[in-house]
PDB file of N, CA and C in Angstrom:
ATOM      1  N   MET A   1      25.827 -25.488 -36.279  1.00  0.00           N
ATOM      2  CA  MET A   1      24.560 -25.687 -35.619  1.00  0.00           C
ATOM      3  C   MET A   1      24.612 -25.231 -34.159  1.00  0.00           C
ATOM      4  N   MET A   2      25.753 -25.418 -33.547  1.00  0.00           N
ATOM      5  CA  MET A   2      25.923 -25.024 -32.158  1.00  0.00           C
ATOM      6  C   MET A   2      25.809 -23.507 -31.983  1.00  0.00           C
ATOM      7  N   PHE A   3      26.195 -22.750 -32.983  1.00  0.00           N
ATOM      8  CA  PHE A   3      26.166 -21.293 -32.886  1.00  0.00           C
ATOM      9  C   PHE A   3      24.751 -20.730 -32.931  1.00  0.00           C
ATOM     10  N   LEU A   4      23.790 -21.487 -33.371  1.00  0.00           N
ATOM     11  CA  LEU A   4      22.411 -21.024 -33.418  1.00  0.00           C
ATOM     12  C   LEU A   4      21.802 -20.899 -32.022  1.00  0.00           C
ATOM     13  N   TRP A   5      22.311 -21.603 -31.049  1.00  0.00           N
ATOM     14  CA  TRP A   5      21.799 -21.548 -29.681  1.00  0.00           C
ATOM     15  C   TRP A   5      22.304 -20.322 -28.919  1.00  0.00           C
ATOM     16  N   ILE A   6      23.386 -19.734 -29.355  1.00  0.00           N
ATOM     17  CA  ILE A   6      23.972 -18.606 -28.621  1.00  0.00           C
ATOM     18  C   ILE A   6      23.004 -17.420 -28.527  1.00  0.00           C
ATOM     19  N   PRO A   7      22.351 -16.994 -29.593  1.00  0.00           N
ATOM     20  CA  PRO A   7      21.398 -15.884 -29.447  1.00  0.00           C
ATOM     21  C   PRO A   7      20.266 -16.205 -28.466  1.00  0.00           C
ATOM     22  N   PHE A   8      19.775 -17.435 -28.463  1.00  0.00           N
ATOM     23  CA  PHE A   8      18.709 -17.807 -27.544  1.00  0.00           C
ATOM     24  C   PHE A   8      19.190 -17.823 -26.092  1.00  0.00           C
ATOM     25  N   LEU A   9      20.402 -18.256 -25.881  1.00  0.00           N
ATOM     26  CA  LEU A   9      20.940 -18.281 -24.520  1.00  0.00           C
ATOM     27  C   LEU A   9      21.147 -16.878 -23.979  1.00  0.00           C
ATOM     28  N   ILE A  10      21.329 -15.919 -24.845  1.00  0.00           N
ATOM     29  CA  ILE A  10      21.478 -14.528 -24.421  1.00  0.00           C
ATOM     30  C   ILE A  10      20.110 -13.848 -24.355  1.00  0.00           C
ATOM     31  N   LEU A  11      19.259 -14.138 -25.302  1.00  0.00           N
ATOM     32  CA  LEU A  11      17.968 -13.476 -25.413  1.00  0.00           C
ATOM     33  C   LEU A  11      17.004 -13.843 -24.283  1.00  0.00           C
ATOM     34  N   ILE A  12      16.950 -15.083 -23.908  1.00  0.00           N
ATOM     35  CA  ILE A  12      15.999 -15.533 -22.884  1.00  0.00           C
ATOM     36  C   ILE A  12      16.262 -14.863 -21.533  1.00  0.00           C
ATOM     37  N   PRO A  13      17.485 -14.826 -21.009  1.00  0.00           N
ATOM     38  CA  PRO A  13      17.691 -14.116 -19.738  1.00  0.00           C
ATOM     39  C   PRO A  13      17.400 -12.620 -19.838  1.00  0.00           C
ATOM     40  N   LEU A  14      17.704 -12.016 -20.984  1.00  0.00           N
ATOM     41  CA  LEU A  14      17.410 -10.597 -21.148  1.00  0.00           C
ATOM     42  C   LEU A  14      15.914 -10.321 -21.129  1.00  0.00           C
ATOM     43  N   LEU A  15      15.143 -11.164 -21.797  1.00  0.00           N
ATOM     44  CA  LEU A  15      13.693 -10.992 -21.780  1.00  0.00           C
ATOM     45  C   LEU A  15      13.126 -11.192 -20.382  1.00  0.00           C
ATOM     46  N   PHE A  16      13.640 -12.163 -19.655  1.00  0.00           N
ATOM     47  CA  PHE A  16      13.187 -12.387 -18.285  1.00  0.00           C
ATOM     48  C   PHE A  16      13.512 -11.195 -17.402  1.00  0.00           C
ATOM     49  N   TRP A  17      14.702 -10.650 -17.561  1.00  0.00           N
ATOM     50  CA  TRP A  17      15.119  -9.496 -16.758  1.00  0.00           C
ATOM     51  C   TRP A  17      14.262  -8.280 -17.088  1.00  0.00           C
ATOM     52  N   ARG A  18      13.947  -8.059 -18.359  1.00  0.00           N
ATOM     53  CA  ARG A  18      13.138  -6.917 -18.763  1.00  0.00           C
ATOM     54  C   ARG A  18      11.700  -7.065 -18.296  1.00  0.00           C
ATOM     55  N   SER A  19      11.189  -8.274 -18.236  1.00  0.00           N
ATOM     56  CA  SER A  19       9.805  -8.467 -17.819  1.00  0.00           C
ATOM     57  C   SER A  19       9.627  -8.150 -16.337  1.00  0.00           C
ATOM     58  N   ARG A  20      10.689  -8.267 -15.561  1.00  0.00           N
ATOM     59  CA  ARG A  20      10.617  -7.948 -14.141  1.00  0.00           C
ATOM     60  C   ARG A  20      10.785  -6.468 -13.890  1.00  0.00           C
ATOM     61  N   GLY A  21      11.095  -5.683 -14.896  1.00  0.00           N
ATOM     62  CA  GLY A  21      11.332  -4.265 -14.713  1.00  0.00           C
ATOM     63  C   GLY A  21      12.665  -4.065 -14.025  1.00  0.00           C
ATOM     64  N   ASP A  22      12.732  -3.070 -13.169  1.00  0.00           N
ATOM     65  CA  ASP A  22      13.989  -2.841 -12.455  1.00  0.00           C
ATOM     66  C   ASP A  22      13.970  -3.475 -11.071  1.00  0.00           C
ATOM     67  N   ALA A  23      13.040  -4.392 -10.808  1.00  0.00           N
ATOM     68  CA  ALA A  23      12.963  -5.052  -9.501  1.00  0.00           C
ATOM     69  C   ALA A  23      14.216  -5.865  -9.229  1.00  0.00           C
ATOM     70  N   GLY A  24      14.835  -6.394 -10.259  1.00  0.00           N
ATOM     71  CA  GLY A  24      16.043  -7.175 -10.077  1.00  0.00           C
ATOM     72  C   GLY A  24      17.204  -6.338  -9.583  1.00  0.00           C
ATOM     73  N   MET A  25      17.132  -5.049  -9.808  1.00  0.00           N
ATOM     74  CA  MET A  25      18.196  -4.157  -9.357  1.00  0.00           C
ATOM     75  C   MET A  25      18.028  -3.793  -7.881  1.00  0.00           C
ATOM     76  N   ARG A  26      16.792  -3.853  -7.358  1.00  0.00           N
ATOM     77  CA  ARG A  26      16.543  -3.437  -5.982  1.00  0.00           C
ATOM     78  C   ARG A  26      16.661  -4.573  -4.998  1.00  0.00           C
ATOM     79  N   GLY A  27      16.247  -5.725  -5.362  1.00  0.00           N
ATOM     80  CA  GLY A  27      16.232  -6.842  -4.430  1.00  0.00           C
ATOM     81  C   GLY A  27      15.018  -7.707  -4.691  1.00  0.00           C
ATOM     82  N   CYS A  28      14.602  -8.427  -3.679  1.00  0.00           N
ATOM     83  CA  CYS A  28      13.544  -9.404  -3.903  1.00  0.00           C
ATOM     84  C   CYS A  28      12.167  -8.775  -3.985  1.00  0.00           C
ATOM     85  N   CYS A  29      11.944  -7.661  -3.309  1.00  0.00           N
ATOM     86  CA  CYS A  29      10.612  -7.065  -3.353  1.00  0.00           C
ATOM     87  C   CYS A  29      10.676  -5.604  -2.930  1.00  0.00           C
ATOM     88  N   ASP A  30       9.562  -4.903  -3.116  1.00  0.00           N
ATOM     89  CA  ASP A  30       9.520  -3.486  -2.780  1.00  0.00           C
ATOM     90  C   ASP A  30       9.525  -3.240  -1.270  1.00  0.00           C
ATOM     91  N   ALA A  31       9.208  -4.253  -0.473  1.00  0.00           N
ATOM     92  CA  ALA A  31       9.157  -4.058   0.977  1.00  0.00           C
ATOM     93  C   ALA A  31      10.526  -3.689   1.543  1.00  0.00           C
ATOM     94  N   HIS A  32      11.583  -4.094   0.856  1.00  0.00           N
ATOM     95  CA  HIS A  32      12.920  -3.793   1.343  1.00  0.00           C
ATOM     96  C   HIS A  32      13.473  -2.488   0.774  1.00  0.00           C
ATOM     97  N   ASP A  33      12.712  -1.838  -0.075  1.00  0.00           N
ATOM     98  CA  ASP A  33      13.153  -0.606  -0.702  1.00  0.00           C
ATOM     99  C   ASP A  33      12.765   0.556   0.208  1.00  0.00           C
ATOM    100  N   ALA A  34      13.743   1.281   0.711  1.00  0.00           N
ATOM    101  CA  ALA A  34      13.490   2.377   1.648  1.00  0.00           C
ATOM    102  C   ALA A  34      12.722   3.506   0.982  1.00  0.00           C
ATOM    103  N   ARG A  35      12.867   3.661  -0.327  1.00  0.00           N
ATOM    104  CA  ARG A  35      12.174   4.743  -1.015  1.00  0.00           C
ATOM    105  C   ARG A  35      10.676   4.502  -1.080  1.00  0.00           C
ATOM    106  N   SER A  36      10.234   3.267  -1.065  1.00  0.00           N
ATOM    107  CA  SER A  36       8.805   2.984  -1.178  1.00  0.00           C
ATOM    108  C   SER A  36       8.128   2.868   0.191  1.00  0.00           C
ATOM    109  N   ALA A  37       8.887   2.990   1.260  1.00  0.00           N
ATOM    110  CA  ALA A  37       8.305   2.873   2.599  1.00  0.00           C
ATOM    111  C   ALA A  37       7.480   4.116   2.901  1.00  0.00           C
ATOM    112  N   THR A  38       6.201   3.919   3.230  1.00  0.00           N
ATOM    113  CA  THR A  38       5.324   5.016   3.597  1.00  0.00           C
ATOM    114  C   THR A  38       4.817   4.770   5.006  1.00  0.00           C
ATOM    115  N   PRO A  39       4.643   5.820   5.768  1.00  0.00           N
ATOM    116  CA  PRO A  39       4.134   5.620   7.127  1.00  0.00           C
ATOM    117  C   PRO A  39       2.704   5.104   7.073  1.00  0.00           C
ATOM    118  N   PRO A  40       2.320   4.283   8.025  1.00  0.00           N
ATOM    119  CA  PRO A  40       0.960   3.763   8.037  1.00  0.00           C
ATOM    120  C   PRO A  40      -0.048   4.879   8.262  1.00  0.00           C
ATOM    121  N   SER A  41      -1.199   4.740   7.654  1.00  0.00           N
ATOM    122  CA  SER A  41      -2.244   5.740   7.785  1.00  0.00           C
ATOM    123  C   SER A  41      -2.888   5.627   9.164  1.00  0.00           C
ATOM    124  N   ALA A  42      -3.142   6.762   9.775  1.00  0.00           N
ATOM    125  CA  ALA A  42      -3.746   6.783  11.099  1.00  0.00           C
ATOM    126  C   ALA A  42      -5.235   6.452  11.023  1.00  0.00           C
ATOM    127  N   GLY A  43      -5.837   6.600   9.869  1.00  0.00           N
ATOM    128  CA  GLY A  43      -7.248   6.314   9.713  1.00  0.00           C
ATOM    129  C   GLY A  43      -8.086   7.540  10.034  1.00  0.00           C
ATOM    130  N   PRO A  44      -9.381   7.417   9.908  1.00  0.00           N
ATOM    131  CA  PRO A  44     -10.260   8.561  10.161  1.00  0.00           C
ATOM    132  C   PRO A  44     -10.314   8.894  11.646  1.00  0.00           C
ATOM    133  N   ASP A  45     -10.543  10.155  11.923  1.00  0.00           N
ATOM    134  CA  ASP A  45     -10.634  10.630  13.297  1.00  0.00           C
ATOM    135  C   ASP A  45     -11.973  10.175  13.889  1.00  0.00           C
ATOM    136  N   PRO A  46     -11.962   9.464  15.012  1.00  0.00           N
ATOM    137  CA  PRO A  46     -13.219   8.948  15.566  1.00  0.00           C
ATOM    138  C   PRO A  46     -14.188  10.054  15.989  1.00  0.00           C
ATOM    139  N   ILE A  47     -13.675  11.166  16.477  1.00  0.00           N
ATOM    140  CA  ILE A  47     -14.550  12.279  16.855  1.00  0.00           C
ATOM    141  C   ILE A  47     -15.239  12.846  15.621  1.00  0.00           C
ATOM    142  N   GLU A  48     -14.485  12.951  14.530  1.00  0.00           N
ATOM    143  CA  GLU A  48     -15.072  13.468  13.290  1.00  0.00           C
ATOM    144  C   GLU A  48     -16.159  12.530  12.776  1.00  0.00           C
ATOM    145  N   ILE A  49     -15.960  11.235  12.903  1.00  0.00           N
ATOM    146  CA  ILE A  49     -16.983  10.265  12.499  1.00  0.00           C
ATOM    147  C   ILE A  49     -18.228  10.444  13.355  1.00  0.00           C
ATOM    148  N   ALA A  50     -18.040  10.630  14.656  1.00  0.00           N
ATOM    149  CA  ALA A  50     -19.179  10.835  15.554  1.00  0.00           C
ATOM    150  C   ALA A  50     -19.905  12.136  15.202  1.00  0.00           C
ATOM    151  N   ARG A  51     -19.159  13.183  14.852  1.00  0.00           N
ATOM    152  CA  ARG A  51     -19.795  14.455  14.444  1.00  0.00           C
ATOM    153  C   ARG A  51     -20.634  14.266  13.180  1.00  0.00           C
ATOM    154  N   GLN A  52     -20.099  13.516  12.236  1.00  0.00           N
ATOM    155  CA  GLN A  52     -20.839  13.272  11.000  1.00  0.00           C
ATOM    156  C   GLN A  52     -22.108  12.466  11.272  1.00  0.00           C
ATOM    157  N   ARG A  53     -22.002  11.484  12.149  1.00  0.00           N
ATOM    158  CA  ARG A  53     -23.190  10.691  12.500  1.00  0.00           C
ATOM    159  C   ARG A  53     -24.225  11.549  13.211  1.00  0.00           C
ATOM    160  N   LEU A  54     -23.772  12.480  14.064  1.00  0.00           N
ATOM    161  CA  LEU A  54     -24.678  13.405  14.740  1.00  0.00           C
ATOM    162  C   LEU A  54     -25.354  14.313  13.719  1.00  0.00           C
ATOM    163  N   ALA A  55     -24.606  14.803  12.748  1.00  0.00           N
ATOM    164  CA  ALA A  55     -25.162  15.671  11.720  1.00  0.00           C
ATOM    165  C   ALA A  55     -26.174  14.932  10.841  1.00  0.00           C
ATOM    166  N   ARG A  56     -25.964  13.651  10.595  1.00  0.00           N
ATOM    167  CA  ARG A  56     -26.896  12.866   9.779  1.00  0.00           C
ATOM    168  C   ARG A  56     -28.120  12.411  10.580  1.00  0.00           C
ATOM    169  N   GLY A  57     -28.065  12.577  11.893  1.00  0.00           N
ATOM    170  CA  GLY A  57     -29.193  12.176  12.729  1.00  0.00           C
ATOM    171  C   GLY A  57     -29.148  10.720  13.151  1.00  0.00           C
ATOM    172  N   GLU A  58     -28.022  10.064  12.954  1.00  0.00           N
ATOM    173  CA  GLU A  58     -27.914   8.657  13.349  1.00  0.00           C
ATOM    174  C   GLU A  58     -27.809   8.497  14.861  1.00  0.00           C
ATOM    175  N   ILE A  59     -27.248   9.484  15.530  1.00  0.00           N
ATOM    176  CA  ILE A  59     -27.127   9.473  16.990  1.00  0.00           C
ATOM    177  C   ILE A  59     -27.623  10.814  17.518  1.00  0.00           C
ATOM    178  N   ASN A  60     -27.995  10.841  18.792  1.00  0.00           N
ATOM    179  CA  ASN A  60     -28.418  12.108  19.393  1.00  0.00           C
ATOM    180  C   ASN A  60     -27.267  12.716  20.188  1.00  0.00           C
ATOM    181  N   THR A  61     -27.474  13.893  20.762  1.00  0.00           N
ATOM    182  CA  THR A  61     -26.386  14.599  21.448  1.00  0.00           C
ATOM    183  C   THR A  61     -25.907  13.842  22.683  1.00  0.00           C
ATOM    184  N   ALA A  62     -26.812  13.133  23.371  1.00  0.00           N
ATOM    185  CA  ALA A  62     -26.397  12.358  24.545  1.00  0.00           C
ATOM    186  C   ALA A  62     -25.459  11.224  24.127  1.00  0.00           C
ATOM    187  N   GLN A  63     -25.782  10.567  23.024  1.00  0.00           N
ATOM    188  CA  GLN A  63     -24.916   9.499  22.533  1.00  0.00           C
ATOM    189  C   GLN A  63     -23.579  10.065  22.046  1.00  0.00           C
ATOM    190  N   PHE A  64     -23.629  11.251  21.420  1.00  0.00           N
ATOM    191  CA  PHE A  64     -22.395  11.883  20.972  1.00  0.00           C
ATOM    192  C   PHE A  64     -21.487  12.208  22.156  1.00  0.00           C
ATOM    193  N   ASP A  65     -22.075  12.761  23.227  1.00  0.00           N
ATOM    194  CA  ASP A  65     -21.279  13.069  24.423  1.00  0.00           C
ATOM    195  C   ASP A  65     -20.690  11.804  25.043  1.00  0.00           C
ATOM    196  N   GLU A  66     -21.475  10.717  25.032  1.00  0.00           N
ATOM    197  CA  GLU A  66     -20.979   9.450  25.568  1.00  0.00           C
ATOM    198  C   GLU A  66     -19.804   8.924  24.740  1.00  0.00           C
ATOM    199  N   ILE A  67     -19.903   9.019  23.432  1.00  0.00           N
ATOM    200  CA  ILE A  67     -18.810   8.587  22.539  1.00  0.00           C
ATOM    201  C   ILE A  67     -17.586   9.442  22.788  1.00  0.00           C
ATOM    202  N   ARG A  68     -17.793  10.754  22.900  1.00  0.00           N
ATOM    203  CA  ARG A  68     -16.671  11.673  23.102  1.00  0.00           C
ATOM    204  C   ARG A  68     -15.962  11.377  24.426  1.00  0.00           C
ATOM    205  N   ARG A  69     -16.720  11.082  25.489  1.00  0.00           N
ATOM    206  CA  ARG A  69     -16.089  10.737  26.778  1.00  0.00           C
ATOM    207  C   ARG A  69     -15.351   9.405  26.700  1.00  0.00           C
ATOM    208  N   ALA A  70     -15.918   8.457  25.962  1.00  0.00           N
ATOM    209  CA  ALA A  70     -15.292   7.126  25.854  1.00  0.00           C
ATOM    210  C   ALA A  70     -13.975   7.213  25.068  1.00  0.00           C
ATOM    211  N   ILE A  71     -13.944   8.067  24.064  1.00  0.00           N
ATOM    212  CA  ILE A  71     -12.717   8.217  23.272  1.00  0.00           C
ATOM    213  C   ILE A  71     -11.653   8.955  24.052  1.00  0.00           C
ATOM    214  N   GLY A  72     -12.088   9.920  24.831  1.00  0.00           N
ATOM    215  CA  GLY A  72     -11.101  10.621  25.667  1.00  0.00           C
ATOM    216  C   GLY A  72     -10.902  12.002  25.219  1.00  0.00           C
TER     217      GLY A  72
END
């Protein structure tokens, strides 16, 4: 009867390990994995956003020039 527990004692940790994928091989999370590190996005260019707003008619040329001077 004792031998019937051996497959379960082996099977349960294997299933748990497989459900985590290969994360157990790398560490606790992807944040520590150098391969998954990506540089932060700079975001949209503010001048380009102002140009698009000018083209759509949301702002006039005086407001566009003011935005451009404020951005630098």
